[in-house]
Amino acid sequence: MNNELQMEEALQRYLDGSCSDIESNEIAKKIETIPAWKQSFESLSEIHGLLQNNWDTQQPSMRFTKNIMEAIEAIPIAKPTREYINPMIAWLLGGLLGSLLVGVTVYAFSLADWSSSNSTDGMFSLKKVSLPELPWQKLFNSNTTMLLMVITLFLGLILMDQFLRSKKTTRL
């Protein structure tokens, strides 16, 4: 495999004319005497000839740039993000994420033991916290689940009503 690759590289240099005279003579002798070299040379020279002779570049039409610009003009311009994202929803999501971040930070600081100690572990150590097992069957019984579904449905209807009212006012 390595010999084939070296042979093809040598033949490419020979066809391109980038090898020295001594190397060119050696390659020419190998082409005449070794059938594998001759076969590779014939296939590479055919490809080389096709690339050299039939390489006609086509010029673009005179209206190429104009055609492209007209095609771009036909594409509708997207509305700015501020027009299709309700800023109230963005503020709500930001407030939710911010409150989560503050809550996690306060919880982490509440776990720290701030008393001064001469430990080599660091400045403070964390209390070991074990959460009690929650009785999930009691928390999510049919009454609780039904109440959560009703509240979600109610809030969804309020949100849909506000959305439809805002659409109605923009049409008028």
N, C-alpha and C. Protein backbone atom coordinates (compact mmCIF):
# COMPACT_ATOMS: atom_id res chain seq x y z
N MET A 1 0.83 -1.19 0.00
CA MET A 1 0.00 0.00 0.00
C MET A 1 0.86 1.25 0.00
N ASN A 2 1.92 1.22 0.81
CA ASN A 2 2.83 2.36 0.88
C ASN A 2 3.59 2.51 -0.44
N ASN A 3 3.96 1.38 -1.06
CA ASN A 3 4.67 1.42 -2.35
C ASN A 3 3.78 1.99 -3.44
N GLU A 4 2.49 1.62 -3.42
CA GLU A 4 1.55 2.16 -4.42
C GLU A 4 1.44 3.67 -4.28
N LEU A 5 1.34 4.13 -3.06
CA LEU A 5 1.22 5.56 -2.81
C LEU A 5 2.48 6.30 -3.27
N GLN A 6 3.63 5.75 -2.96
CA GLN A 6 4.88 6.37 -3.41
C GLN A 6 4.97 6.36 -4.93
N MET A 7 4.51 5.25 -5.56
CA MET A 7 4.54 5.16 -7.00
C MET A 7 3.64 6.23 -7.63
N GLU A 8 2.43 6.39 -7.09
CA GLU A 8 1.51 7.39 -7.64
C GLU A 8 2.03 8.81 -7.41
N GLU A 9 2.64 9.06 -6.28
CA GLU A 9 3.23 10.39 -6.04
C GLU A 9 4.36 10.67 -7.02
N ALA A 10 5.19 9.68 -7.26
CA ALA A 10 6.29 9.86 -8.22
C ALA A 10 5.75 10.09 -9.62
N LEU A 11 4.72 9.34 -10.00
CA LEU A 11 4.12 9.52 -11.33
C LEU A 11 3.45 10.89 -11.46
N GLN A 12 2.83 11.35 -10.39
CA GLN A 12 2.21 12.69 -10.44
C GLN A 12 3.29 13.77 -10.63
N ARG A 13 4.39 13.65 -9.90
CA ARG A 13 5.48 14.61 -10.08
C ARG A 13 6.02 14.53 -11.51
N TYR A 14 6.12 13.33 -12.06
CA TYR A 14 6.61 13.12 -13.42
C TYR A 14 5.67 13.79 -14.44
N LEU A 15 4.35 13.59 -14.23
CA LEU A 15 3.36 14.18 -15.15
C LEU A 15 3.33 15.71 -15.00
N ASP A 16 3.49 16.21 -13.81
CA ASP A 16 3.47 17.65 -13.59
C ASP A 16 4.77 18.32 -14.03
N GLY A 17 5.82 17.52 -14.19
CA GLY A 17 7.11 18.07 -14.59
C GLY A 17 7.84 18.72 -13.44
N SER A 18 7.55 18.33 -12.21
CA SER A 18 8.18 18.95 -11.06
C SER A 18 9.32 18.11 -10.48
N CYS A 19 9.72 17.05 -11.16
CA CYS A 19 10.83 16.23 -10.66
C CYS A 19 12.11 16.58 -11.43
N SER A 20 13.23 16.21 -10.85
CA SER A 20 14.53 16.51 -11.48
C SER A 20 14.73 15.60 -12.70
N ASP A 21 15.79 15.92 -13.49
CA ASP A 21 16.06 15.13 -14.70
C ASP A 21 16.44 13.70 -14.34
N ILE A 22 17.22 13.52 -13.31
CA ILE A 22 17.64 12.17 -12.90
C ILE A 22 16.41 11.35 -12.48
N GLU A 23 15.58 11.96 -11.66
CA GLU A 23 14.37 11.27 -11.20
C GLU A 23 13.43 10.99 -12.37
N SER A 24 13.35 11.94 -13.30
CA SER A 24 12.51 11.75 -14.48
C SER A 24 12.98 10.57 -15.30
N ASN A 25 14.30 10.43 -15.49
CA ASN A 25 14.85 9.29 -16.23
C ASN A 25 14.55 7.97 -15.52
N GLU A 26 14.70 7.94 -14.19
CA GLU A 26 14.42 6.72 -13.43
C GLU A 26 12.96 6.31 -13.55
N ILE A 27 12.05 7.29 -13.48
CA ILE A 27 10.62 7.00 -13.58
C ILE A 27 10.29 6.50 -14.99
N ALA A 28 10.90 7.12 -16.00
CA ALA A 28 10.65 6.68 -17.38
C ALA A 28 11.11 5.24 -17.58
N LYS A 29 12.24 4.85 -17.00
CA LYS A 29 12.71 3.47 -17.10
C LYS A 29 11.76 2.51 -16.39
N LYS A 30 11.27 2.92 -15.23
CA LYS A 30 10.34 2.07 -14.49
C LYS A 30 9.03 1.90 -15.26
N ILE A 31 8.59 2.96 -15.93
CA ILE A 31 7.36 2.87 -16.73
C ILE A 31 7.53 1.87 -17.86
N GLU A 32 8.71 1.86 -18.49
CA GLU A 32 8.96 0.96 -19.61
C GLU A 32 9.14 -0.49 -19.15
N THR A 33 9.70 -0.71 -17.97
CA THR A 33 10.03 -2.08 -17.57
C THR A 33 9.01 -2.73 -16.64
N ILE A 34 8.36 -1.97 -15.76
CA ILE A 34 7.46 -2.55 -14.77
C ILE A 34 6.01 -2.34 -15.22
N PRO A 35 5.23 -3.42 -15.39
CA PRO A 35 3.85 -3.31 -15.87
C PRO A 35 2.94 -2.51 -14.92
N ALA A 36 3.11 -2.64 -13.61
CA ALA A 36 2.27 -1.90 -12.66
C ALA A 36 2.49 -0.40 -12.80
N TRP A 37 3.76 -0.01 -13.00
CA TRP A 37 4.06 1.41 -13.19
C TRP A 37 3.45 1.90 -14.49
N LYS A 38 3.52 1.07 -15.53
CA LYS A 38 2.98 1.46 -16.83
C LYS A 38 1.46 1.63 -16.75
N GLN A 39 0.78 0.71 -16.08
CA GLN A 39 -0.67 0.79 -15.95
C GLN A 39 -1.08 2.03 -15.15
N SER A 40 -0.41 2.29 -14.05
CA SER A 40 -0.72 3.48 -13.24
C SER A 40 -0.41 4.75 -14.01
N PHE A 41 0.69 4.74 -14.77
CA PHE A 41 1.04 5.91 -15.56
C PHE A 41 -0.03 6.20 -16.61
N GLU A 42 -0.53 5.15 -17.28
CA GLU A 42 -1.55 5.36 -18.31
C GLU A 42 -2.83 5.92 -17.71
N SER A 43 -3.27 5.38 -16.56
CA SER A 43 -4.51 5.89 -15.97
C SER A 43 -4.33 7.31 -15.44
N LEU A 44 -3.18 7.59 -14.82
CA LEU A 44 -2.94 8.95 -14.31
C LEU A 44 -2.74 9.95 -15.44
N SER A 45 -2.10 9.53 -16.52
CA SER A 45 -1.91 10.46 -17.63
C SER A 45 -3.23 10.75 -18.33
N GLU A 46 -4.12 9.77 -18.35
CA GLU A 46 -5.45 10.01 -18.94
C GLU A 46 -6.21 11.04 -18.10
N ILE A 47 -6.18 10.85 -16.81
CA ILE A 47 -6.85 11.81 -15.91
C ILE A 47 -6.19 13.18 -16.01
N HIS A 48 -4.87 13.19 -16.04
CA HIS A 48 -4.13 14.44 -16.13
C HIS A 48 -4.47 15.17 -17.44
N GLY A 49 -4.56 14.41 -18.52
CA GLY A 49 -4.90 15.01 -19.81
C GLY A 49 -6.31 15.57 -19.82
N LEU A 50 -7.25 14.85 -19.21
CA LEU A 50 -8.63 15.35 -19.14
C LEU A 50 -8.70 16.65 -18.35
N LEU A 51 -7.95 16.69 -17.27
CA LEU A 51 -7.97 17.91 -16.46
C LEU A 51 -7.31 19.08 -17.18
N GLN A 52 -6.27 18.82 -17.94
CA GLN A 52 -5.55 19.89 -18.63
C GLN A 52 -6.32 20.41 -19.85
N ASN A 53 -6.90 19.49 -20.62
CA ASN A 53 -7.50 19.88 -21.90
C ASN A 53 -8.95 20.32 -21.78
N ASN A 54 -9.72 19.69 -20.95
CA ASN A 54 -11.15 19.97 -20.91
C ASN A 54 -11.55 20.87 -19.74
N TRP A 55 -10.67 21.70 -19.34
CA TRP A 55 -10.95 22.56 -18.20
C TRP A 55 -11.40 23.93 -18.69
N ASP A 56 -12.62 23.99 -19.20
CA ASP A 56 -13.18 25.24 -19.67
C ASP A 56 -14.06 25.82 -18.57
N THR A 57 -13.68 26.97 -18.09
CA THR A 57 -14.50 27.60 -17.06
C THR A 57 -15.59 28.40 -17.74
N GLN A 58 -16.75 28.31 -17.20
CA GLN A 58 -17.87 29.06 -17.75
C GLN A 58 -18.01 30.36 -17.00
N GLN A 59 -18.18 31.40 -17.73
CA GLN A 59 -18.37 32.71 -17.14
C GLN A 59 -19.85 32.87 -16.77
N PRO A 60 -20.14 33.47 -15.62
CA PRO A 60 -21.54 33.71 -15.28
C PRO A 60 -22.15 34.73 -16.22
N SER A 61 -23.45 34.71 -16.30
CA SER A 61 -24.13 35.64 -17.19
C SER A 61 -23.88 37.07 -16.73
N MET A 62 -24.13 38.00 -17.62
CA MET A 62 -23.90 39.41 -17.30
C MET A 62 -24.85 39.89 -16.20
N ARG A 63 -26.01 39.26 -16.09
CA ARG A 63 -26.99 39.67 -15.10
C ARG A 63 -26.91 38.82 -13.83
N PHE A 64 -25.85 38.09 -13.64
CA PHE A 64 -25.75 37.18 -12.50
C PHE A 64 -25.96 37.91 -11.18
N THR A 65 -25.24 38.98 -10.97
CA THR A 65 -25.35 39.73 -9.72
C THR A 65 -26.75 40.31 -9.56
N LYS A 66 -27.27 40.84 -10.62
CA LYS A 66 -28.61 41.43 -10.56
C LYS A 66 -29.66 40.35 -10.26
N ASN A 67 -29.51 39.18 -10.88
CA ASN A 67 -30.45 38.09 -10.62
C ASN A 67 -30.41 37.67 -9.15
N ILE A 68 -29.23 37.59 -8.59
CA ILE A 68 -29.10 37.21 -7.18
C ILE A 68 -29.74 38.26 -6.29
N MET A 69 -29.47 39.52 -6.57
CA MET A 69 -30.04 40.59 -5.75
C MET A 69 -31.56 40.62 -5.86
N GLU A 70 -32.11 40.36 -7.03
CA GLU A 70 -33.57 40.32 -7.19
C GLU A 70 -34.16 39.14 -6.43
N ALA A 71 -33.46 38.01 -6.41
CA ALA A 71 -33.94 36.85 -5.67
C ALA A 71 -33.92 37.13 -4.17
N ILE A 72 -32.92 37.86 -3.70
CA ILE A 72 -32.84 38.20 -2.28
C ILE A 72 -33.94 39.19 -1.91
N GLU A 73 -34.26 40.12 -2.80
CA GLU A 73 -35.32 41.09 -2.52
C GLU A 73 -36.67 40.42 -2.36
N ALA A 74 -36.88 39.29 -3.04
CA ALA A 74 -38.17 38.60 -2.97
C ALA A 74 -38.39 37.91 -1.64
N ILE A 75 -37.32 37.65 -0.90
CA ILE A 75 -37.45 36.97 0.40
C ILE A 75 -37.92 38.00 1.44
N PRO A 76 -39.00 37.68 2.17
CA PRO A 76 -39.48 38.65 3.17
C PRO A 76 -38.49 38.78 4.33
N ILE A 77 -38.39 39.99 4.83
CA ILE A 77 -37.49 40.28 5.93
C ILE A 77 -38.15 39.84 7.23
N ALA A 78 -37.42 39.14 8.06
CA ALA A 78 -37.95 38.66 9.34
C ALA A 78 -38.19 39.83 10.28
N LYS A 79 -39.26 39.69 11.07
CA LYS A 79 -39.57 40.73 12.04
C LYS A 79 -38.54 40.71 13.16
N PRO A 80 -38.27 41.85 13.77
CA PRO A 80 -37.36 41.86 14.92
C PRO A 80 -37.93 41.02 16.06
N THR A 81 -37.06 40.49 16.86
CA THR A 81 -37.46 39.60 17.95
C THR A 81 -38.40 40.30 18.92
N ARG A 82 -38.25 41.57 19.11
CA ARG A 82 -39.08 42.31 20.06
C ARG A 82 -40.54 42.31 19.64
N GLU A 83 -40.82 42.13 18.34
CA GLU A 83 -42.20 42.16 17.89
C GLU A 83 -42.94 40.86 18.14
N TYR A 84 -42.26 39.74 18.16
CA TYR A 84 -42.99 38.49 18.32
C TYR A 84 -42.73 37.79 19.65
N ILE A 85 -41.93 38.38 20.51
CA ILE A 85 -41.77 37.84 21.87
C ILE A 85 -42.34 38.86 22.84
N ASN A 86 -43.28 38.41 23.64
CA ASN A 86 -43.92 39.27 24.61
C ASN A 86 -42.90 39.63 25.69
N PRO A 87 -42.64 40.94 25.91
CA PRO A 87 -41.64 41.31 26.92
C PRO A 87 -42.03 40.88 28.33
N MET A 88 -43.33 40.75 28.59
CA MET A 88 -43.77 40.32 29.91
C MET A 88 -43.32 38.88 30.18
N ILE A 89 -43.38 38.04 29.16
CA ILE A 89 -42.94 36.66 29.31
C ILE A 89 -41.43 36.62 29.55
N ALA A 90 -40.69 37.46 28.85
CA ALA A 90 -39.24 37.50 29.06
C ALA A 90 -38.92 37.94 30.48
N TRP A 91 -39.63 38.95 30.99
CA TRP A 91 -39.40 39.40 32.37
C TRP A 91 -39.80 38.32 33.36
N LEU A 92 -40.89 37.60 33.06
CA LEU A 92 -41.33 36.53 33.95
C LEU A 92 -40.30 35.42 34.03
N LEU A 93 -39.78 35.01 32.88
CA LEU A 93 -38.75 33.96 32.86
C LEU A 93 -37.47 34.43 33.56
N GLY A 94 -37.08 35.67 33.33
CA GLY A 94 -35.90 36.21 34.00
C GLY A 94 -36.09 36.27 35.50
N GLY A 95 -37.27 36.68 35.95
CA GLY A 95 -37.56 36.71 37.38
C GLY A 95 -37.54 35.32 37.99
N LEU A 96 -38.10 34.35 37.25
CA LEU A 96 -38.11 32.98 37.75
C LEU A 96 -36.69 32.44 37.89
N LEU A 97 -35.88 32.62 36.86
CA LEU A 97 -34.50 32.15 36.92
C LEU A 97 -33.69 32.88 37.99
N GLY A 98 -33.92 34.19 38.10
CA GLY A 98 -33.21 34.96 39.13
C GLY A 98 -33.59 34.52 40.54
N SER A 99 -34.88 34.28 40.75
CA SER A 99 -35.32 33.83 42.08
C SER A 99 -34.79 32.43 42.39
N LEU A 100 -34.71 31.57 41.39
CA LEU A 100 -34.11 30.25 41.60
C LEU A 100 -32.64 30.38 41.98
N LEU A 101 -31.93 31.25 41.30
CA LEU A 101 -30.52 31.46 41.60
C LEU A 101 -30.34 32.00 43.02
N VAL A 102 -31.14 32.96 43.40
CA VAL A 102 -31.06 33.52 44.75
C VAL A 102 -31.42 32.46 45.78
N GLY A 103 -32.46 31.67 45.51
CA GLY A 103 -32.88 30.63 46.44
C GLY A 103 -31.81 29.58 46.66
N VAL A 104 -31.18 29.12 45.59
CA VAL A 104 -30.12 28.13 45.71
C VAL A 104 -28.93 28.71 46.46
N THR A 105 -28.59 29.95 46.20
CA THR A 105 -27.47 30.58 46.90
C THR A 105 -27.76 30.72 48.39
N VAL A 106 -28.96 31.17 48.74
CA VAL A 106 -29.32 31.32 50.16
C VAL A 106 -29.31 29.95 50.83
N TYR A 107 -29.82 28.94 50.16
CA TYR A 107 -29.83 27.59 50.73
C TYR A 107 -28.41 27.09 50.95
N ALA A 108 -27.52 27.33 50.00
CA ALA A 108 -26.13 26.88 50.14
C ALA A 108 -25.45 27.59 51.30
N PHE A 109 -25.70 28.90 51.46
CA PHE A 109 -25.09 29.63 52.57
C PHE A 109 -25.70 29.22 53.91
N SER A 110 -26.97 28.80 53.90
CA SER A 110 -27.58 28.37 55.16
C SER A 110 -27.01 27.04 55.64
N LEU A 111 -26.48 26.24 54.73
CA LEU A 111 -25.88 24.96 55.11
C LEU A 111 -24.47 25.11 55.67
N ALA A 112 -23.85 26.24 55.43
CA ALA A 112 -22.47 26.42 55.86
C ALA A 112 -22.40 26.62 57.37
N ASP A 113 -21.39 26.03 57.99
CA ASP A 113 -21.13 26.20 59.41
C ASP A 113 -20.13 27.35 59.54
N TRP A 114 -20.64 28.50 59.97
CA TRP A 114 -19.81 29.71 59.99
C TRP A 114 -19.05 29.88 61.30
N SER A 115 -19.16 28.94 62.19
CA SER A 115 -18.44 29.08 63.45
C SER A 115 -16.94 28.92 63.19
N SER A 116 -16.17 29.64 63.95
CA SER A 116 -14.72 29.56 63.74
C SER A 116 -14.19 28.26 64.32
N SER A 117 -13.45 27.57 63.52
CA SER A 117 -12.87 26.31 63.98
C SER A 117 -11.44 26.24 63.48
N ASN A 118 -10.64 25.41 64.11
CA ASN A 118 -9.24 25.27 63.73
C ASN A 118 -9.05 24.05 62.84
N SER A 119 -9.97 23.82 61.98
CA SER A 119 -9.84 22.65 61.11
C SER A 119 -8.94 22.98 59.93
N THR A 120 -8.32 21.97 59.40
CA THR A 120 -7.44 22.16 58.25
C THR A 120 -8.18 21.94 56.94
N ASP A 121 -9.49 21.65 57.03
CA ASP A 121 -10.28 21.40 55.82
C ASP A 121 -10.50 22.67 55.03
N GLY A 122 -10.57 23.78 55.69
CA GLY A 122 -10.84 25.02 55.00
C GLY A 122 -11.42 26.03 55.97
N MET A 123 -12.04 27.04 55.44
CA MET A 123 -12.59 28.10 56.26
C MET A 123 -13.87 27.66 56.97
N PHE A 124 -14.69 26.86 56.32
CA PHE A 124 -15.94 26.42 56.93
C PHE A 124 -16.26 25.02 56.43
N SER A 125 -17.17 24.38 57.13
CA SER A 125 -17.59 23.04 56.71
C SER A 125 -19.09 23.03 56.57
N LEU A 126 -19.59 22.15 55.72
CA LEU A 126 -21.02 22.05 55.48
C LEU A 126 -21.66 21.07 56.44
N LYS A 127 -22.88 21.40 56.87
CA LYS A 127 -23.63 20.48 57.72
C LYS A 127 -24.09 19.31 56.86
N LYS A 128 -24.18 18.17 57.48
CA LYS A 128 -24.71 17.02 56.77
C LYS A 128 -26.23 17.07 56.85
N VAL A 129 -26.87 17.09 55.70
CA VAL A 129 -28.31 17.21 55.63
C VAL A 129 -28.88 15.94 55.04
N SER A 130 -29.88 15.40 55.69
CA SER A 130 -30.59 14.24 55.12
C SER A 130 -32.05 14.61 55.00
N LEU A 131 -32.58 14.46 53.83
CA LEU A 131 -33.98 14.80 53.59
C LEU A 131 -34.85 13.63 54.01
N PRO A 132 -35.97 13.91 54.64
CA PRO A 132 -36.86 12.81 55.04
C PRO A 132 -37.57 12.24 53.81
N GLU A 133 -37.98 10.99 53.93
CA GLU A 133 -38.74 10.36 52.86
C GLU A 133 -40.11 11.02 52.77
N LEU A 134 -40.50 11.39 51.57
CA LEU A 134 -41.80 12.01 51.37
C LEU A 134 -42.82 10.95 50.99
N PRO A 135 -43.99 11.02 51.59
CA PRO A 135 -45.04 10.07 51.20
C PRO A 135 -45.73 10.57 49.93
N TRP A 136 -45.24 10.19 48.79
CA TRP A 136 -45.74 10.69 47.51
C TRP A 136 -47.21 10.33 47.29
N GLN A 137 -47.66 9.18 47.79
CA GLN A 137 -49.05 8.78 47.60
C GLN A 137 -50.00 9.73 48.33
N LYS A 138 -49.58 10.22 49.49
CA LYS A 138 -50.43 11.14 50.24
C LYS A 138 -50.41 12.54 49.62
N LEU A 139 -49.26 12.94 49.10
CA LEU A 139 -49.15 14.28 48.52
C LEU A 139 -49.89 14.39 47.20
N PHE A 140 -49.82 13.37 46.39
CA PHE A 140 -50.45 13.41 45.08
C PHE A 140 -51.61 12.42 45.02
N ASN A 141 -52.58 12.64 45.89
CA ASN A 141 -53.78 11.83 45.82
C ASN A 141 -54.70 12.42 44.77
N SER A 142 -55.84 11.87 44.57
CA SER A 142 -56.72 12.33 43.50
C SER A 142 -57.21 13.75 43.73
N ASN A 143 -57.44 14.15 44.98
CA ASN A 143 -57.91 15.51 45.26
C ASN A 143 -56.84 16.54 44.92
N THR A 144 -55.61 16.27 45.33
CA THR A 144 -54.51 17.20 45.05
C THR A 144 -54.26 17.32 43.56
N THR A 145 -54.26 16.20 42.88
CA THR A 145 -54.04 16.22 41.44
C THR A 145 -55.14 16.99 40.73
N MET A 146 -56.38 16.76 41.14
CA MET A 146 -57.51 17.47 40.52
C MET A 146 -57.41 18.96 40.78
N LEU A 147 -57.01 19.36 41.98
CA LEU A 147 -56.87 20.78 42.30
C LEU A 147 -55.79 21.43 41.43
N LEU A 148 -54.64 20.75 41.27
CA LEU A 148 -53.58 21.29 40.42
C LEU A 148 -54.04 21.41 38.97
N MET A 149 -54.79 20.44 38.49
CA MET A 149 -55.28 20.50 37.11
C MET A 149 -56.27 21.65 36.92
N VAL A 150 -57.15 21.89 37.88
CA VAL A 150 -58.11 22.99 37.79
C VAL A 150 -57.39 24.32 37.81
N ILE A 151 -56.40 24.48 38.70
CA ILE A 151 -55.64 25.73 38.76
C ILE A 151 -54.89 25.97 37.45
N THR A 152 -54.28 24.93 36.90
CA THR A 152 -53.57 25.06 35.63
C THR A 152 -54.51 25.43 34.51
N LEU A 153 -55.68 24.80 34.46
CA LEU A 153 -56.67 25.12 33.43
C LEU A 153 -57.15 26.56 33.57
N PHE A 154 -57.40 26.99 34.80
CA PHE A 154 -57.85 28.35 35.04
C PHE A 154 -56.81 29.38 34.59
N LEU A 155 -55.55 29.15 34.96
CA LEU A 155 -54.48 30.06 34.55
C LEU A 155 -54.28 30.05 33.03
N GLY A 156 -54.42 28.88 32.41
CA GLY A 156 -54.32 28.79 30.96
C GLY A 156 -55.42 29.56 30.26
N LEU A 157 -56.65 29.49 30.78
CA LEU A 157 -57.76 30.25 30.20
C LEU A 157 -57.53 31.76 30.34
N ILE A 158 -57.01 32.18 31.48
CA ILE A 158 -56.71 33.60 31.67
C ILE A 158 -55.64 34.06 30.67
N LEU A 159 -54.61 33.25 30.50
CA LEU A 159 -53.55 33.59 29.55
C LEU A 159 -54.08 33.66 28.13
N MET A 160 -54.92 32.70 27.74
CA MET A 160 -55.50 32.71 26.39
C MET A 160 -56.40 33.93 26.19
N ASP A 161 -57.17 34.31 27.22
CA ASP A 161 -58.04 35.48 27.13
C ASP A 161 -57.22 36.75 26.92
N GLN A 162 -56.14 36.90 27.67
CA GLN A 162 -55.28 38.07 27.50
C GLN A 162 -54.66 38.10 26.12
N PHE A 163 -54.24 36.96 25.61
CA PHE A 163 -53.64 36.89 24.28
C PHE A 163 -54.65 37.28 23.20
N LEU A 164 -55.87 36.75 23.30
CA LEU A 164 -56.89 37.07 22.29
C LEU A 164 -57.31 38.53 22.38
N ARG A 165 -57.38 39.09 23.57
CA ARG A 165 -57.72 40.51 23.71
C ARG A 165 -56.63 41.40 23.09
N SER A 166 -55.38 41.03 23.28
CA SER A 166 -54.31 41.85 22.71
C SER A 166 -54.32 41.75 21.18
N LYS A 167 -54.70 40.60 20.63
CA LYS A 167 -54.81 40.47 19.17
C LYS A 167 -55.96 41.32 18.65
N LYS A 168 -57.06 41.34 19.40
CA LYS A 168 -58.24 42.10 18.98
C LYS A 168 -57.93 43.59 18.97
N THR A 169 -57.21 44.08 19.95
CA THR A 169 -56.89 45.52 20.00
C THR A 169 -55.90 45.91 18.93
N THR A 170 -55.01 45.00 18.51
CA THR A 170 -54.05 45.35 17.45
C THR A 170 -54.73 45.38 16.10
N ARG A 171 -55.82 44.63 15.90
CA ARG A 171 -56.54 44.65 14.63
C ARG A 171 -57.31 45.95 14.45
N LEU A 172 -57.84 46.49 15.55
CA LEU A 172 -58.63 47.71 15.46
C LEU A 172 -57.71 48.85 15.29
